[in-house]
Amino acid sequence: MLSPKWSTSRDSLTLMRKGKKMPGKRDKPGEIVLKLRQVAVLQGQRSSIADAARQTGVKQQTCRRWRKAYGGMGRDELKPVNQPETEDCRRRRAVSHLTLNKMDLTEAARGNH
């Protein structure tokens, strides 16, 4: 008789006890574009979306969501997609820097009175 396989990771045991799923693997944008191309090729061979997605190891809903976000893009076009995130980070850093300066000035003003 085979014994059941149990994970030795404490986090996974906790998640299994609580009935929650383990967090899934996130695909990188380059991998997403490649999988979308594979799905498109399979659809060109008269395969349904569900079958094409299943063959590439992706759920049909995920494939639709990816197509909405990355549809028609090549690998060289992916860099501009990530660029707004970096600009957003730069703006957040600037705002936090200004907020810290303001806090320092208010503390200094309180100390002078």
PDB file of N, CA and C in Angstrom:
ATOM      1  N   MET A   1       0.854  -1.182   0.000  1.00  0.00           N
ATOM      2  CA  MET A   1       0.000   0.000   0.000  1.00  0.00           C
ATOM      3  C   MET A   1       0.889   1.231   0.000  1.00  0.00           C
ATOM      4  N   LEU A   2       0.577   2.163  -0.891  1.00  0.00           N
ATOM      5  CA  LEU A   2       1.352   3.384  -1.000  1.00  0.00           C
ATOM      6  C   LEU A   2       0.868   4.415   0.006  1.00  0.00           C
ATOM      7  N   SER A   3       1.802   5.111   0.606  1.00  0.00           N
ATOM      8  CA  SER A   3       1.422   6.159   1.541  1.00  0.00           C
ATOM      9  C   SER A   3       1.190   7.448   0.753  1.00  0.00           C
ATOM     10  N   PRO A   4       0.292   8.298   1.235  1.00  0.00           N
ATOM     11  CA  PRO A   4       0.030   9.544   0.509  1.00  0.00           C
ATOM     12  C   PRO A   4       1.254  10.450   0.555  1.00  0.00           C
ATOM     13  N   LYS A   5       1.421  11.230  -0.495  1.00  0.00           N
ATOM     14  CA  LYS A   5       2.541  12.162  -0.543  1.00  0.00           C
ATOM     15  C   LYS A   5       2.142  13.445   0.171  1.00  0.00           C
ATOM     16  N   TRP A   6       2.948  13.849   1.114  1.00  0.00           N
ATOM     17  CA  TRP A   6       2.697  15.063   1.866  1.00  0.00           C
ATOM     18  C   TRP A   6       3.834  16.033   1.622  1.00  0.00           C
ATOM     19  N   SER A   7       3.491  17.263   1.544  1.00  0.00           N
ATOM     20  CA  SER A   7       4.516  18.287   1.365  1.00  0.00           C
ATOM     21  C   SER A   7       5.181  18.553   2.703  1.00  0.00           C
ATOM     22  N   THR A   8       6.481  18.754   2.680  1.00  0.00           N
ATOM     23  CA  THR A   8       7.199  19.029   3.916  1.00  0.00           C
ATOM     24  C   THR A   8       7.226  20.510   4.230  1.00  0.00           C
ATOM     25  N   SER A   9       6.776  21.341   3.301  1.00  0.00           N
ATOM     26  CA  SER A   9       6.778  22.779   3.519  1.00  0.00           C
ATOM     27  C   SER A   9       5.690  23.150   4.511  1.00  0.00           C
ATOM     28  N   ARG A  10       6.055  23.934   5.492  1.00  0.00           N
ATOM     29  CA  ARG A  10       5.111  24.331   6.531  1.00  0.00           C
ATOM     30  C   ARG A  10       3.985  25.194   5.947  1.00  0.00           C
ATOM     31  N   ASP A  11       4.329  26.079   4.994  1.00  0.00           N
ATOM     32  CA  ASP A  11       3.323  26.951   4.390  1.00  0.00           C
ATOM     33  C   ASP A  11       2.291  26.153   3.614  1.00  0.00           C
ATOM     34  N   SER A  12       2.752  25.155   2.853  1.00  0.00           N
ATOM     35  CA  SER A  12       1.807  24.387   2.056  1.00  0.00           C
ATOM     36  C   SER A  12       0.908  23.545   2.949  1.00  0.00           C
ATOM     37  N   LEU A  13       1.438  23.055   4.071  1.00  0.00           N
ATOM     38  CA  LEU A  13       0.589  22.301   5.004  1.00  0.00           C
ATOM     39  C   LEU A  13      -0.482  23.202   5.594  1.00  0.00           C
ATOM     40  N   THR A  14      -0.107  24.413   5.942  1.00  0.00           N
ATOM     41  CA  THR A  14      -1.073  25.355   6.487  1.00  0.00           C
ATOM     42  C   THR A  14      -2.152  25.656   5.462  1.00  0.00           C
ATOM     43  N   LEU A  15      -1.759  25.864   4.206  1.00  0.00           N
ATOM     44  CA  LEU A  15      -2.738  26.146   3.161  1.00  0.00           C
ATOM     45  C   LEU A  15      -3.639  24.944   2.918  1.00  0.00           C
ATOM     46  N   MET A  16      -3.061  23.725   2.976  1.00  0.00           N
ATOM     47  CA  MET A  16      -3.876  22.532   2.752  1.00  0.00           C
ATOM     48  C   MET A  16      -4.886  22.363   3.877  1.00  0.00           C
ATOM     49  N   ARG A  17      -4.507  22.680   5.098  1.00  0.00           N
ATOM     50  CA  ARG A  17      -5.426  22.548   6.224  1.00  0.00           C
ATOM     51  C   ARG A  17      -6.561  23.545   6.128  1.00  0.00           C
ATOM     52  N   LYS A  18      -6.259  24.735   5.646  1.00  0.00           N
ATOM     53  CA  LYS A  18      -7.277  25.774   5.539  1.00  0.00           C
ATOM     54  C   LYS A  18      -8.155  25.596   4.308  1.00  0.00           C
ATOM     55  N   GLY A  19      -7.804  24.664   3.434  1.00  0.00           N
ATOM     56  CA  GLY A  19      -8.595  24.426   2.239  1.00  0.00           C
ATOM     57  C   GLY A  19      -8.317  25.415   1.132  1.00  0.00           C
ATOM     58  N   LYS A  20      -7.197  26.123   1.217  1.00  0.00           N
ATOM     59  CA  LYS A  20      -6.855  27.099   0.180  1.00  0.00           C
ATOM     60  C   LYS A  20      -5.897  26.472  -0.809  1.00  0.00           C
ATOM     61  N   LYS A  21      -5.895  27.030  -2.012  1.00  0.00           N
ATOM     62  CA  LYS A  21      -4.989  26.546  -3.052  1.00  0.00           C
ATOM     63  C   LYS A  21      -3.633  27.219  -2.901  1.00  0.00           C
ATOM     64  N   MET A  22      -2.631  26.545  -3.388  1.00  0.00           N
ATOM     65  CA  MET A  22      -1.295  27.125  -3.435  1.00  0.00           C
ATOM     66  C   MET A  22      -1.286  28.197  -4.521  1.00  0.00           C
ATOM     67  N   PRO A  23      -0.531  29.269  -4.324  1.00  0.00           N
ATOM     68  CA  PRO A  23      -0.466  30.281  -5.373  1.00  0.00           C
ATOM     69  C   PRO A  23       0.156  29.711  -6.638  1.00  0.00           C
ATOM     70  N   GLY A  24      -0.417  30.077  -7.774  1.00  0.00           N
ATOM     71  CA  GLY A  24       0.034  29.538  -9.046  1.00  0.00           C
ATOM     72  C   GLY A  24       1.268  30.256  -9.575  1.00  0.00           C
ATOM     73  N   LYS A  25       1.851  29.663 -10.586  1.00  0.00           N
ATOM     74  CA  LYS A  25       3.020  30.246 -11.231  1.00  0.00           C
ATOM     75  C   LYS A  25       2.551  31.352 -12.161  1.00  0.00           C
ATOM     76  N   ARG A  26       3.234  32.467 -12.133  1.00  0.00           N
ATOM     77  CA  ARG A  26       2.900  33.561 -13.038  1.00  0.00           C
ATOM     78  C   ARG A  26       3.838  33.516 -14.221  1.00  0.00           C
ATOM     79  N   ASP A  27       3.250  33.581 -15.402  1.00  0.00           N
ATOM     80  CA  ASP A  27       4.051  33.578 -16.616  1.00  0.00           C
ATOM     81  C   ASP A  27       4.559  34.978 -16.897  1.00  0.00           C
ATOM     82  N   LYS A  28       5.755  35.049 -17.443  1.00  0.00           N
ATOM     83  CA  LYS A  28       6.335  36.332 -17.826  1.00  0.00           C
ATOM     84  C   LYS A  28       5.712  36.751 -19.151  1.00  0.00           C
ATOM     85  N   PRO A  29       5.722  38.063 -19.444  1.00  0.00           N
ATOM     86  CA  PRO A  29       5.095  38.538 -20.683  1.00  0.00           C
ATOM     87  C   PRO A  29       5.639  37.870 -21.942  1.00  0.00           C
ATOM     88  N   GLY A  30       6.933  37.586 -21.982  1.00  0.00           N
ATOM     89  CA  GLY A  30       7.496  36.902 -23.150  1.00  0.00           C
ATOM     90  C   GLY A  30       6.925  35.513 -23.326  1.00  0.00           C
ATOM     91  N   GLU A  31       6.753  34.798 -22.206  1.00  0.00           N
ATOM     92  CA  GLU A  31       6.162  33.459 -22.259  1.00  0.00           C
ATOM     93  C   GLU A  31       4.703  33.520 -22.675  1.00  0.00           C
ATOM     94  N   ILE A  32       4.000  34.561 -22.224  1.00  0.00           N
ATOM     95  CA  ILE A  32       2.589  34.720 -22.576  1.00  0.00           C
ATOM     96  C   ILE A  32       2.440  34.905 -24.080  1.00  0.00           C
ATOM     97  N   VAL A  33       3.294  35.752 -24.662  1.00  0.00           N
ATOM     98  CA  VAL A  33       3.220  36.002 -26.108  1.00  0.00           C
ATOM     99  C   VAL A  33       3.495  34.710 -26.875  1.00  0.00           C
ATOM    100  N   LEU A  34       4.473  33.923 -26.416  1.00  0.00           N
ATOM    101  CA  LEU A  34       4.771  32.654 -27.091  1.00  0.00           C
ATOM    102  C   LEU A  34       3.591  31.691 -27.010  1.00  0.00           C
ATOM    103  N   LYS A  35       2.960  31.619 -25.854  1.00  0.00           N
ATOM    104  CA  LYS A  35       1.805  30.725 -25.712  1.00  0.00           C
ATOM    105  C   LYS A  35       0.632  31.196 -26.569  1.00  0.00           C
ATOM    106  N   LEU A  36       0.442  32.512 -26.657  1.00  0.00           N
ATOM    107  CA  LEU A  36      -0.622  33.030 -27.514  1.00  0.00           C
ATOM    108  C   LEU A  36      -0.357  32.706 -28.981  1.00  0.00           C
ATOM    109  N   ARG A  37       0.921  32.754 -29.382  1.00  0.00           N
ATOM    110  CA  ARG A  37       1.258  32.373 -30.757  1.00  0.00           C
ATOM    111  C   ARG A  37       0.968  30.901 -30.995  1.00  0.00           C
ATOM    112  N   GLN A  38       1.292  30.055 -30.008  1.00  0.00           N
ATOM    113  CA  GLN A  38       1.012  28.629 -30.150  1.00  0.00           C
ATOM    114  C   GLN A  38      -0.485  28.383 -30.287  1.00  0.00           C
ATOM    115  N   VAL A  39      -1.274  29.097 -29.501  1.00  0.00           N
ATOM    116  CA  VAL A  39      -2.735  28.959 -29.594  1.00  0.00           C
ATOM    117  C   VAL A  39      -3.216  29.400 -30.965  1.00  0.00           C
ATOM    118  N   ALA A  40      -2.652  30.488 -31.486  1.00  0.00           N
ATOM    119  CA  ALA A  40      -3.059  30.972 -32.814  1.00  0.00           C
ATOM    120  C   ALA A  40      -2.710  29.960 -33.895  1.00  0.00           C
ATOM    121  N   VAL A  41      -1.544  29.335 -33.780  1.00  0.00           N
ATOM    122  CA  VAL A  41      -1.151  28.314 -34.764  1.00  0.00           C
ATOM    123  C   VAL A  41      -2.101  27.122 -34.694  1.00  0.00           C
ATOM    124  N   LEU A  42      -2.426  26.690 -33.492  1.00  0.00           N
ATOM    125  CA  LEU A  42      -3.336  25.558 -33.342  1.00  0.00           C
ATOM    126  C   LEU A  42      -4.733  25.899 -33.857  1.00  0.00           C
ATOM    127  N   GLN A  43      -5.158  27.147 -33.668  1.00  0.00           N
ATOM    128  CA  GLN A  43      -6.452  27.548 -34.202  1.00  0.00           C
ATOM    129  C   GLN A  43      -6.417  27.584 -35.723  1.00  0.00           C
ATOM    130  N   GLY A  44      -5.287  27.937 -36.296  1.00  0.00           N
ATOM    131  CA  GLY A  44      -5.137  27.918 -37.738  1.00  0.00           C
ATOM    132  C   GLY A  44      -5.219  26.506 -38.303  1.00  0.00           C
ATOM    133  N   GLN A  45      -4.935  25.522 -37.466  1.00  0.00           N
ATOM    134  CA  GLN A  45      -5.036  24.118 -37.867  1.00  0.00           C
ATOM    135  C   GLN A  45      -6.422  23.561 -37.550  1.00  0.00           C
ATOM    136  N   ARG A  46      -7.383  24.463 -37.454  1.00  0.00           N
ATOM    137  CA  ARG A  46      -8.793  24.122 -37.230  1.00  0.00           C
ATOM    138  C   ARG A  46      -9.041  23.460 -35.871  1.00  0.00           C
ATOM    139  N   SER A  47      -8.359  23.939 -34.855  1.00  0.00           N
ATOM    140  CA  SER A  47      -8.581  23.473 -33.488  1.00  0.00           C
ATOM    141  C   SER A  47      -9.410  24.535 -32.771  1.00  0.00           C
ATOM    142  N   SER A  48     -10.282  24.125 -31.864  1.00  0.00           N
ATOM    143  CA  SER A  48     -11.092  25.103 -31.134  1.00  0.00           C
ATOM    144  C   SER A  48     -10.217  25.825 -30.111  1.00  0.00           C
ATOM    145  N   ILE A  49     -10.723  26.943 -29.607  1.00  0.00           N
ATOM    146  CA  ILE A  49      -9.969  27.715 -28.625  1.00  0.00           C
ATOM    147  C   ILE A  49      -9.726  26.870 -27.374  1.00  0.00           C
ATOM    148  N   ALA A  50     -10.747  26.142 -26.952  1.00  0.00           N
ATOM    149  CA  ALA A  50     -10.614  25.321 -25.748  1.00  0.00           C
ATOM    150  C   ALA A  50      -9.530  24.258 -25.927  1.00  0.00           C
ATOM    151  N   ASP A  51      -9.523  23.586 -27.084  1.00  0.00           N
ATOM    152  CA  ASP A  51      -8.514  22.549 -27.335  1.00  0.00           C
ATOM    153  C   ASP A  51      -7.117  23.153 -27.460  1.00  0.00           C
ATOM    154  N   ALA A  52      -7.015  24.280 -28.161  1.00  0.00           N
ATOM    155  CA  ALA A  52      -5.715  24.918 -28.339  1.00  0.00           C
ATOM    156  C   ALA A  52      -5.153  25.386 -27.002  1.00  0.00           C
ATOM    157  N   ALA A  53      -6.004  25.975 -26.177  1.00  0.00           N
ATOM    158  CA  ALA A  53      -5.551  26.435 -24.864  1.00  0.00           C
ATOM    159  C   ALA A  53      -5.124  25.247 -24.001  1.00  0.00           C
ATOM    160  N   ARG A  54      -5.891  24.182 -24.047  1.00  0.00           N
ATOM    161  CA  ARG A  54      -5.577  22.989 -23.256  1.00  0.00           C
ATOM    162  C   ARG A  54      -4.242  22.394 -23.681  1.00  0.00           C
ATOM    163  N   GLN A  55      -3.952  22.386 -24.966  1.00  0.00           N
ATOM    164  CA  GLN A  55      -2.697  21.817 -25.458  1.00  0.00           C
ATOM    165  C   GLN A  55      -1.490  22.651 -25.040  1.00  0.00           C
ATOM    166  N   THR A  56      -1.681  23.952 -24.869  1.00  0.00           N
ATOM    167  CA  THR A  56      -0.571  24.796 -24.427  1.00  0.00           C
ATOM    168  C   THR A  56      -0.477  24.869 -22.911  1.00  0.00           C
ATOM    169  N   GLY A  57      -1.409  24.253 -22.199  1.00  0.00           N
ATOM    170  CA  GLY A  57      -1.354  24.220 -20.740  1.00  0.00           C
ATOM    171  C   GLY A  57      -1.944  25.442 -20.073  1.00  0.00           C
ATOM    172  N   VAL A  58      -2.900  26.082 -20.743  1.00  0.00           N
ATOM    173  CA  VAL A  58      -3.519  27.299 -20.224  1.00  0.00           C
ATOM    174  C   VAL A  58      -5.023  27.104 -20.235  1.00  0.00           C
ATOM    175  N   LYS A  59      -5.703  27.686 -19.263  1.00  0.00           N
ATOM    176  CA  LYS A  59      -7.159  27.625 -19.270  1.00  0.00           C
ATOM    177  C   LYS A  59      -7.701  28.577 -20.331  1.00  0.00           C
ATOM    178  N   GLN A  60      -8.897  28.281 -20.786  1.00  0.00           N
ATOM    179  CA  GLN A  60      -9.499  29.061 -21.863  1.00  0.00           C
ATOM    180  C   GLN A  60      -9.717  30.516 -21.433  1.00  0.00           C
ATOM    181  N   GLN A  61     -10.179  30.726 -20.215  1.00  0.00           N
ATOM    182  CA  GLN A  61     -10.414  32.082 -19.720  1.00  0.00           C
ATOM    183  C   GLN A  61      -9.109  32.868 -19.628  1.00  0.00           C
ATOM    184  N   THR A  62      -8.045  32.202 -19.182  1.00  0.00           N
ATOM    185  CA  THR A  62      -6.738  32.856 -19.107  1.00  0.00           C
ATOM    186  C   THR A  62      -6.268  33.253 -20.497  1.00  0.00           C
ATOM    187  N   CYS A  63      -6.479  32.377 -21.461  1.00  0.00           N
ATOM    188  CA  CYS A  63      -6.088  32.660 -22.841  1.00  0.00           C
ATOM    189  C   CYS A  63      -6.833  33.894 -23.366  1.00  0.00           C
ATOM    190  N   ARG A  64      -8.108  34.000 -23.068  1.00  0.00           N
ATOM    191  CA  ARG A  64      -8.884  35.160 -23.503  1.00  0.00           C
ATOM    192  C   ARG A  64      -8.390  36.446 -22.844  1.00  0.00           C
ATOM    193  N   ARG A  65      -8.090  36.357 -21.537  1.00  0.00           N
ATOM    194  CA  ARG A  65      -7.604  37.533 -20.815  1.00  0.00           C
ATOM    195  C   ARG A  65      -6.252  37.984 -21.362  1.00  0.00           C
ATOM    196  N   TRP A  66      -5.372  37.019 -21.635  1.00  0.00           N
ATOM    197  CA  TRP A  66      -4.061  37.338 -22.199  1.00  0.00           C
ATOM    198  C   TRP A  66      -4.216  37.955 -23.582  1.00  0.00           C
ATOM    199  N   ARG A  67      -5.134  37.411 -24.388  1.00  0.00           N
ATOM    200  CA  ARG A  67      -5.310  37.935 -25.738  1.00  0.00           C
ATOM    201  C   ARG A  67      -5.798  39.374 -25.694  1.00  0.00           C
ATOM    202  N   LYS A  68      -6.636  39.687 -24.711  1.00  0.00           N
ATOM    203  CA  LYS A  68      -7.117  41.060 -24.570  1.00  0.00           C
ATOM    204  C   LYS A  68      -5.968  42.000 -24.188  1.00  0.00           C
ATOM    205  N   ALA A  69      -5.058  41.518 -23.348  1.00  0.00           N
ATOM    206  CA  ALA A  69      -3.956  42.369 -22.881  1.00  0.00           C
ATOM    207  C   ALA A  69      -2.770  42.386 -23.844  1.00  0.00           C
ATOM    208  N   TYR A  70      -2.401  41.212 -24.391  1.00  0.00           N
ATOM    209  CA  TYR A  70      -1.181  41.087 -25.185  1.00  0.00           C
ATOM    210  C   TYR A  70      -1.429  40.737 -26.641  1.00  0.00           C
ATOM    211  N   GLY A  71      -2.672  40.702 -27.075  1.00  0.00           N
ATOM    212  CA  GLY A  71      -2.982  40.254 -28.423  1.00  0.00           C
ATOM    213  C   GLY A  71      -2.271  41.043 -29.514  1.00  0.00           C
ATOM    214  N   GLY A  72      -1.634  40.336 -30.431  1.00  0.00           N
ATOM    215  CA  GLY A  72      -0.963  40.966 -31.557  1.00  0.00           C
ATOM    216  C   GLY A  72       0.403  41.548 -31.256  1.00  0.00           C
ATOM    217  N   MET A  73       0.895  41.379 -30.035  1.00  0.00           N
ATOM    218  CA  MET A  73       2.196  41.938 -29.679  1.00  0.00           C
ATOM    219  C   MET A  73       3.309  40.943 -29.975  1.00  0.00           C
ATOM    220  N   GLY A  74       4.471  41.490 -30.267  1.00  0.00           N
ATOM    221  CA  GLY A  74       5.673  40.690 -30.399  1.00  0.00           C
ATOM    222  C   GLY A  74       6.541  40.892 -29.166  1.00  0.00           C
ATOM    223  N   ARG A  75       7.620  40.134 -29.076  1.00  0.00           N
ATOM    224  CA  ARG A  75       8.498  40.265 -27.917  1.00  0.00           C
ATOM    225  C   ARG A  75       9.141  41.647 -27.837  1.00  0.00           C
ATOM    226  N   ASP A  76       9.436  42.247 -28.993  1.00  0.00           N
ATOM    227  CA  ASP A  76      10.081  43.555 -28.994  1.00  0.00           C
ATOM    228  C   ASP A  76       9.125  44.658 -28.554  1.00  0.00           C
ATOM    229  N   GLU A  77       7.826  44.412 -28.615  1.00  0.00           N
ATOM    230  CA  GLU A  77       6.841  45.409 -28.213  1.00  0.00           C
ATOM    231  C   GLU A  77       6.488  45.322 -26.733  1.00  0.00           C
ATOM    232  N   LEU A  78       7.031  44.366 -26.024  1.00  0.00           N
ATOM    233  CA  LEU A  78       6.672  44.183 -24.623  1.00  0.00           C
ATOM    234  C   LEU A  78       7.303  45.223 -23.708  1.00  0.00           C
ATOM    235  N   LYS A  79       8.435  45.747 -24.050  1.00  0.00           N
ATOM    236  CA  LYS A  79       9.106  46.711 -23.187  1.00  0.00           C
ATOM    237  C   LYS A  79       8.236  47.939 -22.922  1.00  0.00           C
ATOM    238  N   PRO A  80       7.554  48.537 -23.924  1.00  0.00           N
ATOM    239  CA  PRO A  80       6.692  49.683 -23.630  1.00  0.00           C
ATOM    240  C   PRO A  80       5.526  49.335 -22.702  1.00  0.00           C
ATOM    241  N   VAL A  81       5.103  48.076 -22.642  1.00  0.00           N
ATOM    242  CA  VAL A  81       4.025  47.697 -21.739  1.00  0.00           C
ATOM    243  C   VAL A  81       4.486  47.860 -20.296  1.00  0.00           C
ATOM    244  N   ASN A  82       5.737  47.504 -20.003  1.00  0.00           N
ATOM    245  CA  ASN A  82       6.250  47.606 -18.648  1.00  0.00           C
ATOM    246  C   ASN A  82       6.724  49.017 -18.306  1.00  0.00           C
ATOM    247  N   GLN A  83       6.923  49.865 -19.284  1.00  0.00           N
ATOM    248  CA  GLN A  83       7.444  51.201 -19.050  1.00  0.00           C
ATOM    249  C   GLN A  83       6.521  52.062 -18.190  1.00  0.00           C
ATOM    250  N   PRO A  84       5.195  52.064 -18.365  1.00  0.00           N
ATOM    251  CA  PRO A  84       4.357  52.875 -17.484  1.00  0.00           C
ATOM    252  C   PRO A  84       4.478  52.490 -16.018  1.00  0.00           C
ATOM    253  N   GLU A  85       4.739  51.215 -15.738  1.00  0.00           N
ATOM    254  CA  GLU A  85       4.903  50.797 -14.354  1.00  0.00           C
ATOM    255  C   GLU A  85       6.136  51.452 -13.741  1.00  0.00           C
ATOM    256  N   THR A  86       7.219  51.523 -14.500  1.00  0.00           N
ATOM    257  CA  THR A  86       8.424  52.133 -13.963  1.00  0.00           C
ATOM    258  C   THR A  86       8.227  53.630 -13.764  1.00  0.00           C
ATOM    259  N   GLU A  87       7.498  54.271 -14.662  1.00  0.00           N
ATOM    260  CA  GLU A  87       7.220  55.696 -14.493  1.00  0.00           C
ATOM    261  C   GLU A  87       6.335  55.918 -13.282  1.00  0.00           C
ATOM    262  N   ASP A  88       5.384  55.008 -13.052  1.00  0.00           N
ATOM    263  CA  ASP A  88       4.525  55.096 -11.883  1.00  0.00           C
ATOM    264  C   ASP A  88       5.358  54.955 -10.607  1.00  0.00           C
ATOM    265  N   CYS A  89       6.313  54.042 -10.611  1.00  0.00           N
ATOM    266  CA  CYS A  89       7.196  53.872  -9.446  1.00  0.00           C
ATOM    267  C   CYS A  89       8.014  55.135  -9.205  1.00  0.00           C
ATOM    268  N   ARG A  90       8.502  55.739 -10.270  1.00  0.00           N
ATOM    269  CA  ARG A  90       9.281  56.971 -10.142  1.00  0.00           C
ATOM    270  C   ARG A  90       8.436  58.079  -9.527  1.00  0.00           C
ATOM    271  N   ARG A  91       7.192  58.188  -9.951  1.00  0.00           N
ATOM    272  CA  ARG A  91       6.298  59.209  -9.391  1.00  0.00           C
ATOM    273  C   ARG A  91       5.990  58.932  -7.927  1.00  0.00           C
ATOM    274  N   ARG A  92       5.781  57.672  -7.586  1.00  0.00           N
ATOM    275  CA  ARG A  92       5.507  57.340  -6.184  1.00  0.00           C
ATOM    276  C   ARG A  92       6.691  57.678  -5.297  1.00  0.00           C
ATOM    277  N   ARG A  93       7.911  57.402  -5.790  1.00  0.00           N
ATOM    278  CA  ARG A  93       9.105  57.742  -5.011  1.00  0.00           C
ATOM    279  C   ARG A  93       9.200  59.245  -4.796  1.00  0.00           C
ATOM    280  N   ALA A  94       8.884  60.022  -5.833  1.00  0.00           N
ATOM    281  CA  ALA A  94       8.944  61.482  -5.714  1.00  0.00           C
ATOM    282  C   ALA A  94       7.925  61.975  -4.689  1.00  0.00           C
ATOM    283  N   VAL A  95       6.726  61.437  -4.715  1.00  0.00           N
ATOM    284  CA  VAL A  95       5.692  61.847  -3.765  1.00  0.00           C
ATOM    285  C   VAL A  95       6.090  61.466  -2.344  1.00  0.00           C
ATOM    286  N   SER A  96       6.639  60.271  -2.168  1.00  0.00           N
ATOM    287  CA  SER A  96       7.034  59.861  -0.815  1.00  0.00           C
ATOM    288  C   SER A  96       8.186  60.722  -0.307  1.00  0.00           C
ATOM    289  N   HIS A  97       9.104  61.094  -1.202  1.00  0.00           N
ATOM    290  CA  HIS A  97      10.211  61.964  -0.820  1.00  0.00           C
ATOM    291  C   HIS A  97       9.683  63.323  -0.362  1.00  0.00           C
ATOM    292  N   LEU A  98       8.733  63.883  -1.117  1.00  0.00           N
ATOM    293  CA  LEU A  98       8.151  65.171  -0.740  1.00  0.00           C
ATOM    294  C   LEU A  98       7.383  65.070   0.574  1.00  0.00           C
ATOM    295  N   THR A  99       6.705  63.959   0.789  1.00  0.00           N
ATOM    296  CA  THR A  99       5.951  63.762   2.027  1.00  0.00           C
ATOM    297  C   THR A  99       6.898  63.701   3.221  1.00  0.00           C
ATOM    298  N   LEU A 100       8.015  62.981   3.068  1.00  0.00           N
ATOM    299  CA  LEU A 100       8.994  62.909   4.147  1.00  0.00           C
ATOM    300  C   LEU A 100       9.599  64.283   4.447  1.00  0.00           C
ATOM    301  N   ASN A 101       9.886  65.047   3.397  1.00  0.00           N
ATOM    302  CA  ASN A 101      10.401  66.407   3.608  1.00  0.00           C
ATOM    303  C   ASN A 101       9.406  67.263   4.367  1.00  0.00           C
ATOM    304  N   LYS A 102       8.137  67.148   4.024  1.00  0.00           N
ATOM    305  CA  LYS A 102       7.100  67.923   4.692  1.00  0.00           C
ATOM    306  C   LYS A 102       7.007  67.531   6.162  1.00  0.00           C
ATOM    307  N   MET A 103       7.089  66.214   6.442  1.00  0.00           N
ATOM    308  CA  MET A 103       7.033  65.760   7.827  1.00  0.00           C
ATOM    309  C   MET A 103       8.219  66.288   8.624  1.00  0.00           C
ATOM    310  N   ASP A 104       9.403  66.286   8.025  1.00  0.00           N
ATOM    311  CA  ASP A 104      10.591  66.810   8.702  1.00  0.00           C
ATOM    312  C   ASP A 104      10.445  68.292   9.015  1.00  0.00           C
ATOM    313  N   LEU A 105       9.901  69.042   8.066  1.00  0.00           N
ATOM    314  CA  LEU A 105       9.732  70.471   8.277  1.00  0.00           C
ATOM    315  C   LEU A 105       8.702  70.766   9.365  1.00  0.00           C
ATOM    316  N   THR A 106       7.616  70.002   9.410  1.00  0.00           N
ATOM    317  CA  THR A 106       6.606  70.235  10.456  1.00  0.00           C
ATOM    318  C   THR A 106       7.154  69.882  11.826  1.00  0.00           C
ATOM    319  N   GLU A 107       7.967  68.828  11.907  1.00  0.00           N
ATOM    320  CA  GLU A 107       8.581  68.474  13.197  1.00  0.00           C
ATOM    321  C   GLU A 107       9.564  69.548  13.645  1.00  0.00           C
ATOM    322  N   ALA A 108      10.325  70.070  12.699  1.00  0.00           N
ATOM    323  CA  ALA A 108      11.278  71.132  13.028  1.00  0.00           C
ATOM    324  C   ALA A 108      10.547  72.399  13.471  1.00  0.00           C
ATOM    325  N   ALA A 109       9.417  72.682  12.828  1.00  0.00           N
ATOM    326  CA  ALA A 109       8.651  73.864  13.198  1.00  0.00           C
ATOM    327  C   ALA A 109       8.060  73.716  14.592  1.00  0.00           C
ATOM    328  N   ARG A 110       7.630  72.539  14.959  1.00  0.00           N
ATOM    329  CA  ARG A 110       7.086  72.308  16.305  1.00  0.00           C
ATOM    330  C   ARG A 110       8.182  72.448  17.354  1.00  0.00           C
ATOM    331  N   GLY A 111       9.366  72.000  17.025  1.00  0.00           N
ATOM    332  CA  GLY A 111      10.470  72.062  17.974  1.00  0.00           C
ATOM    333  C   GLY A 111      10.940  73.471  18.230  1.00  0.00           C
ATOM    334  N   ASN A 112      10.731  74.380  17.290  1.00  0.00           N
ATOM    335  CA  ASN A 112      11.162  75.762  17.445  1.00  0.00           C
ATOM    336  C   ASN A 112      10.233  76.561  18.334  1.00  0.00           C
ATOM    337  N   HIS A 113       8.991  76.151  18.480  1.00  0.00           N
ATOM    338  CA  HIS A 113       8.031  76.935  19.267  1.00  0.00           C
ATOM    339  C   HIS A 113       8.024  76.567  20.696  1.00  0.00           C
TER     340      HIS A 113
END
